Amino acid sequence: MTEHTDGFTATASTHVAEPPERVWAELMHPGAQWMLGANIETDFRPGSPVTFEGHFFGRQFADKGEIVAVDRPHLLHLTHFSPLGELPDVPESYHDIRITLTADDGGTLVTVVQGNIDTAEHAHRSEQHWREALSTLAHRDSAPTSGP
């Protein structure tokens, strides 16, 4: 977790023992709920809306954002806003999320960098949530490694 001029940043990564194309397919699968059980709806085209709906610690949520860039099977860049964060729904309140897939020995390194987080505490929580999400994506129970 680091602080930048545009807020704090959370980083998490894990290794998945599959090639980037297979990991990408799992990320993009319409029924996939690897992101903390959220149902993700979008066409994954730059400029398109994206919604994240589900339950988190017993609370229903309906988050939203926009797809910024897609470079299959290496990058998914999107924005994210959660009404549960109690911030105003203005562009300055949206998180910037980059999910990168890099081929490595025996599979894929998946890294998530979430920027524009308002407090160190929220950044720490986001980092923990991304570690859980990546652990689910990697289909394993142990905690993934954190990023640099």
N, C-alpha and C. Protein backbone atom coordinates (compact mmCIF):
# COMPACT_ATOMS: atom_id res chain seq x y z
N MET A 1 0.85 -1.16 0.00
CA MET A 1 0.00 0.00 0.00
C MET A 1 0.90 1.23 0.00
N THR A 2 0.62 2.16 -0.88
CA THR A 2 1.41 3.38 -0.96
C THR A 2 0.49 4.59 -1.13
N GLU A 3 1.03 5.76 -0.80
CA GLU A 3 0.26 6.99 -0.97
C GLU A 3 0.80 7.74 -2.18
N HIS A 4 -0.10 8.23 -3.02
CA HIS A 4 0.23 9.04 -4.18
C HIS A 4 -0.54 10.34 -4.07
N THR A 5 -0.28 11.26 -4.97
CA THR A 5 -0.99 12.53 -4.94
C THR A 5 -2.48 12.35 -5.17
N ASP A 6 -2.89 11.27 -5.81
CA ASP A 6 -4.31 11.03 -6.05
C ASP A 6 -4.86 9.98 -5.08
N GLY A 7 -4.36 9.97 -3.85
CA GLY A 7 -4.85 9.05 -2.84
C GLY A 7 -3.90 7.90 -2.61
N PHE A 8 -4.42 6.87 -1.98
CA PHE A 8 -3.63 5.69 -1.65
C PHE A 8 -3.83 4.61 -2.71
N THR A 9 -2.88 3.68 -2.75
CA THR A 9 -2.92 2.59 -3.71
C THR A 9 -2.80 1.26 -2.98
N ALA A 10 -3.59 0.28 -3.40
CA ALA A 10 -3.51 -1.08 -2.89
C ALA A 10 -3.04 -1.99 -4.01
N THR A 11 -2.13 -2.91 -3.69
CA THR A 11 -1.58 -3.83 -4.69
C THR A 11 -1.61 -5.24 -4.13
N ALA A 12 -2.02 -6.19 -4.97
CA ALA A 12 -2.00 -7.61 -4.60
C ALA A 12 -1.69 -8.42 -5.85
N SER A 13 -1.04 -9.56 -5.67
CA SER A 13 -0.75 -10.41 -6.82
C SER A 13 -0.74 -11.87 -6.39
N THR A 14 -0.87 -12.74 -7.37
CA THR A 14 -0.82 -14.17 -7.13
C THR A 14 -0.36 -14.86 -8.41
N HIS A 15 0.08 -16.08 -8.25
CA HIS A 15 0.45 -16.91 -9.40
C HIS A 15 -0.68 -17.91 -9.65
N VAL A 16 -1.07 -18.05 -10.91
CA VAL A 16 -2.07 -19.04 -11.30
C VAL A 16 -1.38 -20.01 -12.25
N ALA A 17 -1.50 -21.28 -11.98
CA ALA A 17 -0.81 -22.31 -12.77
C ALA A 17 -1.54 -22.61 -14.07
N GLU A 18 -1.87 -21.57 -14.80
CA GLU A 18 -2.51 -21.67 -16.11
C GLU A 18 -1.93 -20.57 -16.99
N PRO A 19 -1.96 -20.74 -18.32
CA PRO A 19 -1.47 -19.68 -19.20
C PRO A 19 -2.40 -18.45 -19.16
N PRO A 20 -1.88 -17.27 -19.54
CA PRO A 20 -2.69 -16.06 -19.49
C PRO A 20 -4.04 -16.17 -20.20
N GLU A 21 -4.11 -16.86 -21.31
CA GLU A 21 -5.37 -16.99 -22.05
C GLU A 21 -6.45 -17.69 -21.22
N ARG A 22 -6.05 -18.70 -20.45
CA ARG A 22 -7.03 -19.42 -19.61
C ARG A 22 -7.44 -18.59 -18.41
N VAL A 23 -6.48 -17.86 -17.83
CA VAL A 23 -6.80 -16.99 -16.70
C VAL A 23 -7.73 -15.86 -17.17
N TRP A 24 -7.43 -15.31 -18.34
CA TRP A 24 -8.27 -14.25 -18.91
C TRP A 24 -9.70 -14.77 -19.09
N ALA A 25 -9.84 -15.97 -19.62
CA ALA A 25 -11.16 -16.55 -19.83
C ALA A 25 -11.92 -16.66 -18.51
N GLU A 26 -11.22 -17.02 -17.44
CA GLU A 26 -11.85 -17.11 -16.12
C GLU A 26 -12.28 -15.72 -15.64
N LEU A 27 -11.44 -14.72 -15.84
CA LEU A 27 -11.79 -13.35 -15.45
C LEU A 27 -13.03 -12.86 -16.18
N MET A 28 -13.13 -13.21 -17.46
CA MET A 28 -14.19 -12.67 -18.32
C MET A 28 -15.45 -13.51 -18.36
N HIS A 29 -15.41 -14.69 -17.79
CA HIS A 29 -16.56 -15.59 -17.84
C HIS A 29 -17.79 -14.91 -17.24
N PRO A 30 -18.92 -14.89 -17.95
CA PRO A 30 -20.12 -14.19 -17.47
C PRO A 30 -20.59 -14.64 -16.09
N GLY A 31 -20.44 -15.90 -15.76
CA GLY A 31 -20.91 -16.39 -14.46
C GLY A 31 -19.84 -16.40 -13.39
N ALA A 32 -18.63 -15.98 -13.72
CA ALA A 32 -17.54 -16.01 -12.76
C ALA A 32 -17.81 -15.04 -11.62
N GLN A 33 -17.58 -15.49 -10.41
CA GLN A 33 -17.78 -14.63 -9.25
C GLN A 33 -16.51 -14.60 -8.41
N TRP A 34 -15.36 -14.55 -9.08
CA TRP A 34 -14.09 -14.56 -8.37
C TRP A 34 -13.87 -13.28 -7.57
N MET A 35 -14.52 -12.19 -7.96
CA MET A 35 -14.31 -10.92 -7.27
C MET A 35 -15.21 -10.83 -6.04
N LEU A 36 -14.82 -11.58 -5.01
CA LEU A 36 -15.53 -11.58 -3.73
C LEU A 36 -17.01 -11.90 -3.89
N GLY A 37 -17.31 -12.79 -4.81
CA GLY A 37 -18.69 -13.24 -5.01
C GLY A 37 -19.56 -12.31 -5.82
N ALA A 38 -18.96 -11.24 -6.35
CA ALA A 38 -19.76 -10.28 -7.12
C ALA A 38 -20.09 -10.83 -8.49
N ASN A 39 -21.29 -10.52 -8.94
CA ASN A 39 -21.69 -10.81 -10.31
C ASN A 39 -21.27 -9.59 -11.13
N ILE A 40 -20.40 -9.78 -12.11
CA ILE A 40 -19.86 -8.69 -12.90
C ILE A 40 -20.57 -8.67 -14.25
N GLU A 41 -21.15 -7.51 -14.59
CA GLU A 41 -21.87 -7.37 -15.86
C GLU A 41 -21.22 -6.28 -16.70
N THR A 42 -20.75 -6.64 -17.89
CA THR A 42 -20.20 -5.68 -18.85
C THR A 42 -19.91 -6.42 -20.15
N ASP A 43 -19.67 -5.67 -21.20
CA ASP A 43 -19.25 -6.30 -22.46
C ASP A 43 -17.73 -6.20 -22.64
N PHE A 44 -17.04 -5.65 -21.64
CA PHE A 44 -15.58 -5.53 -21.63
C PHE A 44 -15.04 -4.75 -22.82
N ARG A 45 -15.78 -3.73 -23.24
CA ARG A 45 -15.31 -2.84 -24.31
C ARG A 45 -15.02 -1.47 -23.71
N PRO A 46 -13.90 -0.84 -24.09
CA PRO A 46 -13.59 0.49 -23.55
C PRO A 46 -14.76 1.45 -23.71
N GLY A 47 -15.06 2.16 -22.62
CA GLY A 47 -16.17 3.10 -22.59
C GLY A 47 -17.47 2.49 -22.11
N SER A 48 -17.54 1.17 -22.01
CA SER A 48 -18.77 0.50 -21.58
C SER A 48 -18.90 0.52 -20.06
N PRO A 49 -20.15 0.56 -19.58
CA PRO A 49 -20.36 0.49 -18.13
C PRO A 49 -20.05 -0.92 -17.61
N VAL A 50 -19.73 -0.99 -16.32
CA VAL A 50 -19.54 -2.26 -15.64
C VAL A 50 -20.25 -2.17 -14.30
N THR A 51 -20.95 -3.23 -13.92
CA THR A 51 -21.60 -3.27 -12.61
C THR A 51 -21.09 -4.48 -11.84
N PHE A 52 -21.04 -4.34 -10.53
CA PHE A 52 -20.63 -5.40 -9.62
C PHE A 52 -21.75 -5.51 -8.59
N GLU A 53 -22.42 -6.66 -8.54
CA GLU A 53 -23.53 -6.82 -7.60
C GLU A 53 -23.33 -8.09 -6.80
N GLY A 54 -23.74 -8.03 -5.54
CA GLY A 54 -23.64 -9.21 -4.69
C GLY A 54 -23.85 -8.86 -3.23
N HIS A 55 -23.35 -9.73 -2.36
CA HIS A 55 -23.43 -9.53 -0.91
C HIS A 55 -22.01 -9.56 -0.35
N PHE A 56 -21.75 -8.64 0.57
CA PHE A 56 -20.43 -8.55 1.17
C PHE A 56 -20.62 -8.34 2.67
N PHE A 57 -20.18 -9.30 3.46
CA PHE A 57 -20.37 -9.26 4.91
C PHE A 57 -21.82 -8.98 5.27
N GLY A 58 -22.73 -9.66 4.56
CA GLY A 58 -24.15 -9.55 4.86
C GLY A 58 -24.85 -8.32 4.29
N ARG A 59 -24.12 -7.48 3.60
CA ARG A 59 -24.72 -6.27 3.02
C ARG A 59 -24.78 -6.43 1.51
N GLN A 60 -25.95 -6.13 0.95
CA GLN A 60 -26.08 -6.17 -0.50
C GLN A 60 -25.39 -4.94 -1.07
N PHE A 61 -24.71 -5.12 -2.21
CA PHE A 61 -24.07 -3.97 -2.84
C PHE A 61 -24.33 -3.98 -4.33
N ALA A 62 -24.29 -2.79 -4.92
CA ALA A 62 -24.41 -2.61 -6.37
C ALA A 62 -23.42 -1.51 -6.73
N ASP A 63 -22.18 -1.92 -7.04
CA ASP A 63 -21.13 -0.99 -7.41
C ASP A 63 -21.14 -0.79 -8.92
N LYS A 64 -20.46 0.24 -9.38
CA LYS A 64 -20.45 0.50 -10.81
C LYS A 64 -19.11 1.10 -11.22
N GLY A 65 -18.92 1.19 -12.52
CA GLY A 65 -17.72 1.80 -13.07
C GLY A 65 -17.78 1.79 -14.58
N GLU A 66 -16.60 1.92 -15.17
CA GLU A 66 -16.50 1.95 -16.63
C GLU A 66 -15.23 1.23 -17.06
N ILE A 67 -15.32 0.53 -18.17
CA ILE A 67 -14.14 -0.10 -18.74
C ILE A 67 -13.29 0.99 -19.39
N VAL A 68 -12.02 1.09 -19.00
CA VAL A 68 -11.12 2.11 -19.54
C VAL A 68 -10.34 1.53 -20.71
N ALA A 69 -9.74 0.34 -20.52
CA ALA A 69 -8.93 -0.27 -21.57
C ALA A 69 -8.92 -1.78 -21.40
N VAL A 70 -8.78 -2.48 -22.52
CA VAL A 70 -8.69 -3.93 -22.53
C VAL A 70 -7.61 -4.31 -23.54
N ASP A 71 -6.66 -5.12 -23.09
CA ASP A 71 -5.64 -5.66 -23.97
C ASP A 71 -5.59 -7.16 -23.68
N ARG A 72 -6.44 -7.91 -24.40
CA ARG A 72 -6.56 -9.36 -24.18
C ARG A 72 -5.27 -10.08 -24.55
N PRO A 73 -4.77 -10.99 -23.78
CA PRO A 73 -5.14 -11.39 -22.42
C PRO A 73 -4.19 -10.81 -21.38
N HIS A 74 -3.88 -9.52 -21.46
CA HIS A 74 -2.86 -8.96 -20.57
C HIS A 74 -3.33 -7.87 -19.62
N LEU A 75 -4.36 -7.10 -19.98
CA LEU A 75 -4.74 -5.96 -19.16
C LEU A 75 -6.25 -5.75 -19.18
N LEU A 76 -6.80 -5.54 -17.99
CA LEU A 76 -8.17 -5.05 -17.83
C LEU A 76 -8.05 -3.82 -16.94
N HIS A 77 -8.42 -2.67 -17.48
CA HIS A 77 -8.34 -1.40 -16.75
C HIS A 77 -9.75 -0.85 -16.66
N LEU A 78 -10.19 -0.57 -15.43
CA LEU A 78 -11.54 -0.10 -15.21
C LEU A 78 -11.61 0.87 -14.04
N THR A 79 -12.72 1.57 -13.94
CA THR A 79 -12.98 2.39 -12.78
C THR A 79 -14.01 1.68 -11.91
N HIS A 80 -14.09 2.09 -10.63
CA HIS A 80 -14.98 1.44 -9.69
C HIS A 80 -15.48 2.46 -8.67
N PHE A 81 -16.79 2.44 -8.44
CA PHE A 81 -17.40 3.29 -7.41
C PHE A 81 -18.34 2.44 -6.58
N SER A 82 -18.24 2.59 -5.26
CA SER A 82 -19.14 1.89 -4.36
C SER A 82 -19.95 2.87 -3.53
N PRO A 83 -21.28 2.85 -3.65
CA PRO A 83 -22.11 3.71 -2.80
C PRO A 83 -21.92 3.42 -1.30
N LEU A 84 -21.49 2.21 -0.95
CA LEU A 84 -21.27 1.86 0.45
C LEU A 84 -20.09 2.64 1.03
N GLY A 85 -19.22 3.19 0.16
CA GLY A 85 -18.08 3.96 0.63
C GLY A 85 -18.45 5.33 1.15
N GLU A 86 -19.71 5.73 0.98
CA GLU A 86 -20.25 6.99 1.48
C GLU A 86 -19.53 8.22 0.93
N LEU A 87 -18.96 8.11 -0.25
CA LEU A 87 -18.37 9.25 -0.94
C LEU A 87 -19.35 9.72 -2.00
N PRO A 88 -19.26 10.98 -2.43
CA PRO A 88 -20.17 11.44 -3.49
C PRO A 88 -19.88 10.74 -4.81
N ASP A 89 -20.91 10.53 -5.62
CA ASP A 89 -20.77 9.88 -6.91
C ASP A 89 -20.28 10.91 -7.94
N VAL A 90 -18.99 11.20 -7.83
CA VAL A 90 -18.32 12.13 -8.75
C VAL A 90 -17.05 11.45 -9.24
N PRO A 91 -16.53 11.82 -10.41
CA PRO A 91 -15.35 11.14 -10.96
C PRO A 91 -14.18 11.03 -9.98
N GLU A 92 -13.99 12.02 -9.12
CA GLU A 92 -12.88 12.00 -8.16
C GLU A 92 -13.01 10.89 -7.13
N SER A 93 -14.20 10.33 -6.96
CA SER A 93 -14.45 9.28 -5.97
C SER A 93 -14.27 7.88 -6.54
N TYR A 94 -14.04 7.75 -7.84
CA TYR A 94 -13.92 6.44 -8.47
C TYR A 94 -12.50 5.90 -8.31
N HIS A 95 -12.41 4.62 -7.99
CA HIS A 95 -11.11 3.95 -7.94
C HIS A 95 -10.65 3.64 -9.36
N ASP A 96 -9.35 3.60 -9.53
CA ASP A 96 -8.74 3.21 -10.79
C ASP A 96 -8.15 1.82 -10.58
N ILE A 97 -8.64 0.82 -11.31
CA ILE A 97 -8.21 -0.57 -11.11
C ILE A 97 -7.59 -1.12 -12.38
N ARG A 98 -6.37 -1.63 -12.23
CA ARG A 98 -5.67 -2.28 -13.34
C ARG A 98 -5.36 -3.72 -12.93
N ILE A 99 -5.85 -4.65 -13.75
CA ILE A 99 -5.56 -6.07 -13.54
C ILE A 99 -4.67 -6.49 -14.70
N THR A 100 -3.44 -6.92 -14.37
CA THR A 100 -2.50 -7.33 -15.41
C THR A 100 -2.19 -8.81 -15.28
N LEU A 101 -2.03 -9.45 -16.42
CA LEU A 101 -1.66 -10.86 -16.50
C LEU A 101 -0.34 -10.95 -17.25
N THR A 102 0.65 -11.57 -16.61
CA THR A 102 1.98 -11.70 -17.20
C THR A 102 2.38 -13.17 -17.18
N ALA A 103 2.70 -13.70 -18.34
CA ALA A 103 3.16 -15.10 -18.40
C ALA A 103 4.46 -15.22 -17.63
N ASP A 104 4.58 -16.29 -16.85
CA ASP A 104 5.82 -16.59 -16.14
C ASP A 104 6.04 -18.09 -16.16
N ASP A 105 7.07 -18.55 -15.50
CA ASP A 105 7.36 -19.98 -15.47
C ASP A 105 6.20 -20.74 -14.86
N GLY A 106 5.56 -21.57 -15.64
CA GLY A 106 4.49 -22.42 -15.14
C GLY A 106 3.13 -21.79 -15.03
N GLY A 107 2.92 -20.61 -15.61
CA GLY A 107 1.58 -20.04 -15.54
C GLY A 107 1.54 -18.55 -15.75
N THR A 108 0.79 -17.87 -14.87
CA THR A 108 0.52 -16.45 -15.03
C THR A 108 0.62 -15.73 -13.69
N LEU A 109 1.30 -14.59 -13.69
CA LEU A 109 1.31 -13.71 -12.54
C LEU A 109 0.17 -12.72 -12.76
N VAL A 110 -0.78 -12.70 -11.82
CA VAL A 110 -1.92 -11.79 -11.89
C VAL A 110 -1.70 -10.72 -10.83
N THR A 111 -1.70 -9.46 -11.27
CA THR A 111 -1.47 -8.34 -10.35
C THR A 111 -2.62 -7.35 -10.46
N VAL A 112 -3.11 -6.91 -9.30
CA VAL A 112 -4.15 -5.89 -9.24
C VAL A 112 -3.57 -4.66 -8.54
N VAL A 113 -3.73 -3.52 -9.18
CA VAL A 113 -3.35 -2.25 -8.57
C VAL A 113 -4.61 -1.38 -8.56
N GLN A 114 -5.05 -1.01 -7.36
CA GLN A 114 -6.23 -0.16 -7.20
C GLN A 114 -5.76 1.18 -6.65
N GLY A 115 -5.99 2.23 -7.42
CA GLY A 115 -5.57 3.56 -7.02
C GLY A 115 -6.73 4.47 -6.69
N ASN A 116 -6.38 5.66 -6.24
CA ASN A 116 -7.33 6.71 -5.87
C ASN A 116 -8.21 6.29 -4.69
N ILE A 117 -7.59 5.67 -3.68
CA ILE A 117 -8.30 5.27 -2.46
C ILE A 117 -8.13 6.40 -1.45
N ASP A 118 -9.22 6.76 -0.77
CA ASP A 118 -9.22 7.96 0.06
C ASP A 118 -8.41 7.91 1.35
N THR A 119 -8.29 6.76 2.01
CA THR A 119 -7.55 6.70 3.28
C THR A 119 -6.63 5.48 3.30
N ALA A 120 -5.64 5.52 4.17
CA ALA A 120 -4.73 4.38 4.35
C ALA A 120 -5.50 3.16 4.84
N GLU A 121 -6.46 3.38 5.73
CA GLU A 121 -7.26 2.26 6.25
C GLU A 121 -8.05 1.59 5.12
N HIS A 122 -8.69 2.39 4.26
CA HIS A 122 -9.44 1.82 3.14
C HIS A 122 -8.51 1.11 2.16
N ALA A 123 -7.32 1.64 1.96
CA ALA A 123 -6.35 1.00 1.07
C ALA A 123 -5.93 -0.35 1.64
N HIS A 124 -5.71 -0.40 2.94
CA HIS A 124 -5.33 -1.66 3.58
C HIS A 124 -6.45 -2.70 3.43
N ARG A 125 -7.69 -2.27 3.64
CA ARG A 125 -8.84 -3.18 3.47
C ARG A 125 -8.95 -3.65 2.02
N SER A 126 -8.76 -2.72 1.08
CA SER A 126 -8.84 -3.09 -0.35
C SER A 126 -7.77 -4.12 -0.69
N GLU A 127 -6.58 -3.93 -0.16
CA GLU A 127 -5.51 -4.89 -0.41
C GLU A 127 -5.89 -6.28 0.11
N GLN A 128 -6.45 -6.34 1.30
CA GLN A 128 -6.91 -7.62 1.85
C GLN A 128 -8.00 -8.24 0.98
N HIS A 129 -8.96 -7.44 0.53
CA HIS A 129 -10.04 -7.96 -0.31
C HIS A 129 -9.50 -8.48 -1.64
N TRP A 130 -8.55 -7.76 -2.24
CA TRP A 130 -7.97 -8.23 -3.50
C TRP A 130 -7.19 -9.52 -3.29
N ARG A 131 -6.52 -9.67 -2.16
CA ARG A 131 -5.81 -10.93 -1.89
C ARG A 131 -6.80 -12.09 -1.83
N GLU A 132 -7.95 -11.86 -1.18
CA GLU A 132 -8.99 -12.89 -1.13
C GLU A 132 -9.53 -13.20 -2.52
N ALA A 133 -9.80 -12.16 -3.30
CA ALA A 133 -10.33 -12.35 -4.65
C ALA A 133 -9.33 -13.12 -5.52
N LEU A 134 -8.06 -12.76 -5.43
CA LEU A 134 -7.05 -13.45 -6.23
C LEU A 134 -6.86 -14.88 -5.77
N SER A 135 -7.00 -15.13 -4.49
CA SER A 135 -6.92 -16.49 -3.99
C SER A 135 -8.05 -17.34 -4.58
N THR A 136 -9.23 -16.75 -4.67
CA THR A 136 -10.36 -17.44 -5.30
C THR A 136 -10.08 -17.69 -6.77
N LEU A 137 -9.54 -16.69 -7.45
CA LEU A 137 -9.22 -16.84 -8.87
C LEU A 137 -8.20 -17.95 -9.08
N ALA A 138 -7.23 -18.04 -8.18
CA ALA A 138 -6.19 -19.06 -8.30
C ALA A 138 -6.67 -20.43 -7.83
N HIS A 139 -7.91 -20.49 -7.30
CA HIS A 139 -8.51 -21.75 -6.82
C HIS A 139 -7.65 -22.39 -5.74
N ARG A 140 -7.26 -21.57 -4.78
CA ARG A 140 -6.48 -22.11 -3.68
C ARG A 140 -6.88 -21.43 -2.39
N ASP A 141 -6.55 -22.08 -1.27
CA ASP A 141 -6.96 -21.56 0.02
C ASP A 141 -5.91 -20.70 0.69
N SER A 142 -4.64 -20.84 0.29
CA SER A 142 -3.60 -20.04 0.94
C SER A 142 -3.61 -18.63 0.39
N ALA A 143 -3.14 -17.71 1.18
CA ALA A 143 -3.14 -16.30 0.77
C ALA A 143 -2.09 -16.05 -0.31
N PRO A 144 -2.45 -15.30 -1.32
CA PRO A 144 -1.48 -14.96 -2.36
C PRO A 144 -0.47 -13.95 -1.83
N THR A 145 0.59 -13.77 -2.56
CA THR A 145 1.61 -12.81 -2.16
C THR A 145 1.16 -11.41 -2.49
N SER A 146 1.64 -10.46 -1.74
CA SER A 146 1.32 -9.06 -2.04
C SER A 146 2.29 -8.56 -3.09
N GLY A 147 1.91 -7.47 -3.70
CA GLY A 147 2.75 -6.90 -4.75
C GLY A 147 3.90 -6.11 -4.18
N PRO A 148 4.66 -5.47 -5.05
CA PRO A 148 5.83 -4.70 -4.61
C PRO A 148 5.45 -3.50 -3.78
